[in-house]
Amino acid sequence: MSDHEHPLDPKHPGRAHTAPGAPDPVVHVSCVRHIFADQTEIYLCGLDFVVEKGQRVVILGPNGSGKSTLLAHILGLLSPREGEVEVFGVNPAKQFNRIRERVGVLFQNVDEQLLAPTVWDDVSFSPRNYGYPDAEVDRMVQEVLAELGIVHLKDKVCHYLSGGEKRKVALAGALVLHPELLIMDEPFEGLDPRSRSELVTLLNDLQARHHMTTIIATHDVSSVSDLADTVYMLIQGGEIVARGYPDEIFSDAARLRASNIEAPAIVELFQKLEEAGLDLGRPTNVDQAAERLLAKLRDGK
């Protein structure tokens, strides 16, 4: 597994070494140290956290490793005691107003994010707050509700929606201004498997159509390979110990164990097959696994 940037690889889109004269990265975090009121210290150091335009990045780590703290610094909600944080070339803790319409966010607890009485009120909050004309607000809200397939919820009371519906409404509020960067903290928290699968499909479709840069913090390894071009792995205390493609990250069993992270079941299955003498590679999701197995069966015939 490599801890440095890779050259452009057609099998792994979105992972290219920044060439001289190329635009600055969307996000750059370097050795951030933060001390909370209870004196808990998080030191997000090790590798720099760098996100290029159009990348799909997942921050993977156990609970308490600093994933949410890293996102809070990127969003300017926390200011570091030490270190550097830049988003679109500015310090978000001091100049977030300059970039606020370029960044959308989906928090872990959507109940804390949905504050308005109805779905329309909630999704329209940002454009109304930023002074968009009423007709433009109506158009923007209708457009994003249609895109997420929740127009029928427009006049519903947010409090009475299901968990999956609430998450889609919160996502609509994050997307209504067409942000260039979408940040999500544990977006699958509390969702059943079907709702999680639907959200993965929706996020990938949105990213492909709008070419957004996405950053997702999660400890749910099962969805990582479907959502990421690049994975950063954190360990307890905040050290960023690895950066790579999902297949690279999940192939290093020793580092995963040291980080208290279990590989996806698909990865573990094919590792055991390899140990038993059947080398089918290291697929990281069901589609890849099915492709490898079908190819092997065809060869056998």
Protein backbone atom coordinates (compact mmCIF):
# COMPACT_ATOMS: atom_id res chain seq x y z
CA MET A 1 0.00 0.00 0.00
CA SER A 2 1.37 3.36 -0.97
CA ASP A 3 1.40 6.41 1.27
CA HIS A 4 2.07 8.87 -1.55
CA GLU A 5 0.12 10.22 -4.49
CA HIS A 6 -0.23 7.90 -7.46
CA PRO A 7 0.26 8.78 -11.10
CA LEU A 8 -2.92 8.98 -13.13
CA ASP A 9 -4.44 5.51 -13.37
CA PRO A 10 -7.49 4.84 -15.57
CA LYS A 11 -8.61 2.11 -13.16
CA HIS A 12 -8.59 4.57 -10.27
CA PRO A 13 -10.05 7.90 -11.48
CA GLY A 14 -9.50 11.03 -9.47
CA ARG A 15 -6.09 10.08 -8.10
CA ALA A 16 -3.37 12.05 -9.80
CA HIS A 17 -0.28 13.69 -8.46
CA THR A 18 -0.68 17.47 -8.58
CA ALA A 19 1.43 18.73 -11.46
CA PRO A 20 3.37 22.01 -11.37
CA GLY A 21 1.04 24.88 -12.20
CA ALA A 22 -2.09 22.82 -11.43
CA PRO A 23 -4.92 24.42 -9.38
CA ASP A 24 -4.58 24.33 -5.62
CA PRO A 25 -6.34 21.42 -3.91
CA VAL A 26 -9.90 21.93 -2.71
CA VAL A 27 -8.89 20.93 0.84
CA HIS A 28 -5.49 20.82 2.52
CA VAL A 29 -5.05 19.95 6.21
CA SER A 30 -1.60 19.65 7.74
CA CYS A 31 -0.79 18.54 11.32
CA VAL A 32 -3.82 20.01 13.08
CA ARG A 33 -3.86 19.94 16.87
CA HIS A 34 -7.05 20.65 18.79
CA ILE A 35 -7.76 20.58 22.52
CA PHE A 36 -11.39 20.32 23.64
CA ALA A 37 -12.83 21.94 26.77
CA ASP A 38 -12.41 18.70 28.75
CA GLN A 39 -8.70 18.72 27.74
CA THR A 40 -9.13 15.83 25.30
CA GLU A 41 -6.51 16.33 22.61
CA ILE A 42 -6.74 15.30 18.98
CA TYR A 43 -3.60 15.58 16.88
CA LEU A 44 -4.45 15.07 13.20
CA CYS A 45 -0.97 14.56 11.90
CA GLY A 46 0.99 11.94 10.02
CA LEU A 47 0.11 12.29 6.35
CA ASP A 48 -1.31 15.58 5.07
CA PHE A 49 -4.99 15.39 4.17
CA VAL A 50 -5.27 16.62 0.58
CA VAL A 51 -8.40 16.54 -1.59
CA GLU A 52 -8.27 17.45 -5.26
CA LYS A 53 -11.18 18.74 -7.33
CA GLY A 54 -13.62 15.99 -8.30
CA GLN A 55 -12.20 13.37 -5.94
CA ARG A 56 -14.37 11.04 -3.89
CA VAL A 57 -12.60 10.74 -0.56
CA VAL A 58 -13.50 8.58 2.41
CA ILE A 59 -12.02 9.11 5.88
CA LEU A 60 -12.00 5.70 7.54
CA GLY A 61 -11.34 5.14 11.20
CA PRO A 62 -12.80 3.74 14.42
CA ASN A 63 -14.99 5.81 16.72
CA GLY A 64 -12.88 8.36 18.57
CA SER A 65 -10.16 8.56 15.92
CA GLY A 66 -10.90 12.19 15.02
CA LYS A 67 -12.94 11.85 11.83
CA SER A 68 -15.63 14.31 12.95
CA THR A 69 -12.97 16.63 14.36
CA LEU A 70 -11.24 16.72 10.98
CA LEU A 71 -14.53 17.58 9.26
CA ALA A 72 -15.27 20.28 11.84
CA HIS A 73 -11.95 21.97 11.03
CA ILE A 74 -12.65 21.76 7.29
CA LEU A 75 -16.04 23.40 7.91
CA GLY A 76 -14.52 26.12 10.09
CA LEU A 77 -16.49 24.98 13.14
CA LEU A 78 -13.21 24.46 15.00
CA SER A 79 -10.00 26.45 14.82
CA PRO A 80 -6.77 24.53 15.40
CA ARG A 81 -4.26 25.33 18.15
CA GLU A 82 -1.56 24.27 15.69
CA GLY A 83 -1.41 23.33 12.03
CA GLU A 84 -2.94 24.53 8.79
CA VAL A 85 -6.39 24.16 7.25
CA GLU A 86 -7.28 25.51 3.82
CA VAL A 87 -10.51 25.07 1.86
CA PHE A 88 -10.65 26.65 -1.59
CA GLY A 89 -7.50 28.53 -0.60
CA VAL A 90 -8.87 30.20 2.53
CA ASN A 91 -8.86 29.52 6.27
CA PRO A 92 -12.42 28.28 6.89
CA ALA A 93 -12.40 29.19 10.60
CA LYS A 94 -11.80 32.86 9.69
CA GLN A 95 -13.21 33.25 6.17
CA PHE A 96 -16.00 30.71 5.78
CA ASN A 97 -18.35 33.41 4.46
CA ARG A 98 -16.19 33.55 1.34
CA ILE A 99 -16.82 29.88 0.55
CA ARG A 100 -20.12 29.07 2.29
CA GLU A 101 -22.13 28.70 -0.94
CA ARG A 102 -19.48 26.35 -2.36
CA VAL A 103 -19.75 23.84 0.50
CA GLY A 104 -22.64 21.54 1.41
CA VAL A 105 -22.74 19.41 4.53
CA LEU A 106 -24.71 16.41 5.80
CA PHE A 107 -24.22 15.95 9.53
CA GLN A 108 -24.33 12.62 11.34
CA ASN A 109 -27.41 13.52 13.38
CA VAL A 110 -29.86 14.84 10.81
CA ASP A 111 -32.44 15.63 13.50
CA GLU A 112 -30.13 18.44 14.61
CA GLN A 113 -29.84 19.64 11.00
CA LEU A 114 -33.58 19.72 10.20
CA LEU A 115 -34.76 22.77 12.10
CA ALA A 116 -37.60 24.22 9.99
CA PRO A 117 -41.25 23.10 10.32
CA THR A 118 -41.74 21.62 6.84
CA VAL A 119 -39.52 20.06 4.21
CA TRP A 120 -39.89 23.07 1.90
CA ASP A 121 -39.01 25.46 4.72
CA ASP A 122 -35.91 23.47 5.58
CA VAL A 123 -34.56 22.96 2.06
CA SER A 124 -35.20 26.57 1.14
CA PHE A 125 -33.47 27.96 4.23
CA SER A 126 -30.03 28.62 2.69
CA PRO A 127 -31.14 30.31 -0.55
CA ARG A 128 -33.65 32.43 1.38
CA ASN A 129 -31.02 33.33 3.97
CA TYR A 130 -28.55 34.30 1.24
CA GLY A 131 -31.07 36.63 -0.41
CA TYR A 132 -32.09 34.72 -3.54
CA PRO A 133 -35.32 36.02 -5.14
CA ASP A 134 -38.47 34.11 -4.19
CA ALA A 135 -39.00 32.73 -7.71
CA GLU A 136 -35.42 31.49 -7.82
CA VAL A 137 -35.78 29.89 -4.38
CA ASP A 138 -38.90 28.03 -5.54
CA ARG A 139 -37.12 26.81 -8.67
CA MET A 140 -34.02 25.65 -6.75
CA VAL A 141 -36.02 23.79 -4.11
CA GLN A 142 -38.30 22.10 -6.65
CA GLU A 143 -35.27 21.05 -8.69
CA VAL A 144 -33.36 19.44 -5.82
CA LEU A 145 -36.46 17.73 -4.40
CA ALA A 146 -37.14 16.24 -7.83
CA GLU A 147 -33.53 15.14 -8.20
CA LEU A 148 -33.69 13.25 -4.89
CA GLY A 149 -37.15 11.86 -5.58
CA ILE A 150 -38.84 13.54 -2.60
CA VAL A 151 -41.15 16.12 -4.17
CA HIS A 152 -44.06 14.33 -2.48
CA LEU A 153 -42.56 15.28 0.91
CA LYS A 154 -42.53 19.01 0.16
CA ASP A 155 -45.25 19.97 2.66
CA LYS A 156 -44.57 17.24 5.23
CA VAL A 157 -43.46 18.01 8.79
CA CYS A 158 -39.79 17.01 9.09
CA HIS A 159 -40.21 15.58 12.57
CA TYR A 160 -42.58 12.85 11.36
CA LEU A 161 -40.47 11.55 8.47
CA SER A 162 -38.68 8.19 8.49
CA GLY A 163 -34.93 8.05 9.07
CA GLY A 164 -34.19 7.59 5.37
CA GLU A 165 -36.55 10.41 4.39
CA LYS A 166 -34.98 12.77 6.93
CA ARG A 167 -31.53 12.01 5.53
CA LYS A 168 -32.69 12.76 1.99
CA VAL A 169 -34.26 16.04 3.11
CA ALA A 170 -31.06 17.05 4.90
CA LEU A 171 -29.10 16.09 1.78
CA ALA A 172 -31.46 18.23 -0.33
CA GLY A 173 -30.69 21.18 1.94
CA ALA A 174 -26.98 20.52 1.47
CA LEU A 175 -27.31 20.35 -2.31
CA VAL A 176 -29.81 23.11 -3.02
CA LEU A 177 -27.07 25.68 -3.79
CA HIS A 178 -25.18 23.22 -6.05
CA PRO A 179 -22.03 23.10 -3.91
CA GLU A 180 -18.65 22.20 -5.37
CA LEU A 181 -17.72 20.33 -2.18
CA LEU A 182 -20.07 18.00 -0.29
CA ILE A 183 -19.01 16.87 3.19
CA MET A 184 -20.81 14.03 4.97
CA ASP A 185 -20.30 12.70 8.49
CA GLU A 186 -21.44 9.06 8.96
CA PRO A 187 -24.19 9.39 6.33
CA PHE A 188 -25.39 5.80 6.84
CA GLU A 189 -25.92 6.07 10.59
CA GLY A 190 -29.23 4.43 11.57
CA LEU A 191 -30.17 3.37 8.03
CA ASP A 192 -31.32 -0.15 7.19
CA PRO A 193 -29.38 -2.03 4.46
CA ARG A 194 -31.83 -1.13 1.69
CA SER A 195 -31.83 2.58 2.58
CA ARG A 196 -28.04 2.53 2.77
CA SER A 197 -27.77 0.93 -0.66
CA GLU A 198 -30.19 3.50 -2.11
CA LEU A 199 -28.17 6.35 -0.59
CA VAL A 200 -24.89 4.99 -2.02
CA THR A 201 -26.45 4.83 -5.49
CA LEU A 202 -27.90 8.32 -5.12
CA LEU A 203 -24.60 9.85 -3.94
CA ASN A 204 -22.64 8.30 -6.80
CA ASP A 205 -25.22 9.45 -9.34
CA LEU A 206 -25.15 13.01 -7.97
CA GLN A 207 -21.34 13.09 -7.93
CA ALA A 208 -21.12 11.83 -11.51
CA ARG A 209 -23.68 14.31 -12.84
CA HIS A 210 -22.45 17.38 -10.98
CA HIS A 211 -18.72 16.54 -10.73
CA MET A 212 -18.74 17.41 -7.05
CA THR A 213 -15.84 16.79 -4.73
CA THR A 214 -17.04 14.57 -1.88
CA ILE A 215 -15.59 13.84 1.55
CA ILE A 216 -17.25 11.16 3.68
CA ALA A 217 -16.23 10.23 7.21
CA THR A 218 -17.32 6.74 8.23
CA HIS A 219 -16.47 3.59 10.14
CA ASP A 220 -18.76 1.55 7.85
CA VAL A 221 -16.26 -0.39 5.72
CA SER A 222 -18.93 -2.11 3.62
CA SER A 223 -19.66 0.99 1.52
CA VAL A 224 -16.15 2.41 1.18
CA SER A 225 -15.18 0.82 -2.13
CA ASP A 226 -18.45 1.99 -3.71
CA LEU A 227 -17.96 5.59 -2.59
CA ALA A 228 -14.24 6.33 -2.73
CA ASP A 229 -11.43 6.84 -5.19
CA THR A 230 -9.17 7.64 -2.25
CA VAL A 231 -9.23 6.46 1.37
CA TYR A 232 -7.49 8.09 4.33
CA MET A 233 -7.17 5.88 7.40
CA LEU A 234 -7.01 7.30 10.93
CA ILE A 235 -6.12 5.54 14.16
CA GLN A 236 -7.08 6.36 17.73
CA GLY A 237 -5.77 9.79 18.65
CA GLY A 238 -6.03 11.23 15.16
CA GLU A 239 -2.90 10.13 13.33
CA ILE A 240 -3.44 9.78 9.58
CA VAL A 241 -1.53 6.57 8.92
CA ALA A 242 -2.45 5.62 5.36
CA ARG A 243 -3.74 6.97 2.07
CA GLY A 244 -4.57 4.87 -0.97
CA TYR A 245 -7.13 3.26 -3.20
CA PRO A 246 -9.71 1.13 -1.38
CA ASP A 247 -8.11 -2.12 -2.59
CA GLU A 248 -4.73 -0.98 -1.26
CA ILE A 249 -6.12 -0.01 2.12
CA PHE A 250 -8.05 -3.25 2.56
CA SER A 251 -5.18 -5.47 1.42
CA ASP A 252 -3.04 -4.47 4.42
CA ALA A 253 -4.54 -6.75 7.10
CA ALA A 254 -1.90 -5.91 9.71
CA ARG A 255 -2.51 -2.18 9.49
CA LEU A 256 -6.27 -2.67 9.60
CA ARG A 257 -5.96 -4.72 12.79
CA ALA A 258 -3.65 -2.12 14.32
CA SER A 259 -6.23 0.54 13.49
CA ASN A 260 -9.08 -1.51 14.97
CA ILE A 261 -10.81 -1.70 11.58
CA GLU A 262 -12.21 -4.87 10.05
CA ALA A 263 -11.96 -5.39 6.30
CA PRO A 264 -15.25 -5.82 4.40
CA ALA A 265 -16.58 -9.39 4.41
CA ILE A 266 -15.97 -9.67 0.65
CA VAL A 267 -12.28 -8.85 1.15
CA GLU A 268 -11.91 -11.36 3.99
CA LEU A 269 -13.62 -14.07 1.89
CA PHE A 270 -11.25 -13.68 -1.05
CA GLN A 271 -8.23 -13.50 1.25
CA LYS A 272 -9.24 -16.88 2.70
CA LEU A 273 -9.75 -18.29 -0.81
CA GLU A 274 -6.28 -17.06 -1.72
CA GLU A 275 -4.79 -18.71 1.39
CA ALA A 276 -6.51 -21.94 0.35
CA GLY A 277 -4.86 -21.82 -3.07
CA LEU A 278 -7.57 -20.13 -5.14
CA ASP A 279 -6.20 -16.74 -6.14
CA LEU A 280 -8.99 -14.60 -7.58
CA GLY A 281 -7.48 -11.26 -6.65
CA ARG A 282 -8.79 -8.94 -3.98
CA PRO A 283 -12.19 -7.54 -5.01
CA THR A 284 -13.60 -4.97 -2.61
CA ASN A 285 -17.28 -5.04 -3.53
CA VAL A 286 -19.94 -7.46 -4.75
CA ASP A 287 -19.76 -6.40 -8.41
CA GLN A 288 -16.00 -6.99 -8.56
CA ALA A 289 -16.38 -10.31 -6.75
CA ALA A 290 -19.07 -11.53 -9.16
CA GLU A 291 -16.91 -10.52 -12.13
CA ARG A 292 -13.91 -12.50 -10.79
CA LEU A 293 -16.00 -15.59 -10.02
CA LEU A 294 -17.74 -15.57 -13.40
CA ALA A 295 -14.41 -15.21 -15.18
CA LYS A 296 -13.03 -18.18 -13.24
CA LEU A 297 -16.08 -20.29 -14.07
CA ARG A 298 -15.80 -19.45 -17.77
CA ASP A 299 -12.12 -20.38 -17.75
CA GLY A 300 -13.02 -23.68 -16.10
CA LYS A 301 -15.42 -24.52 -18.88
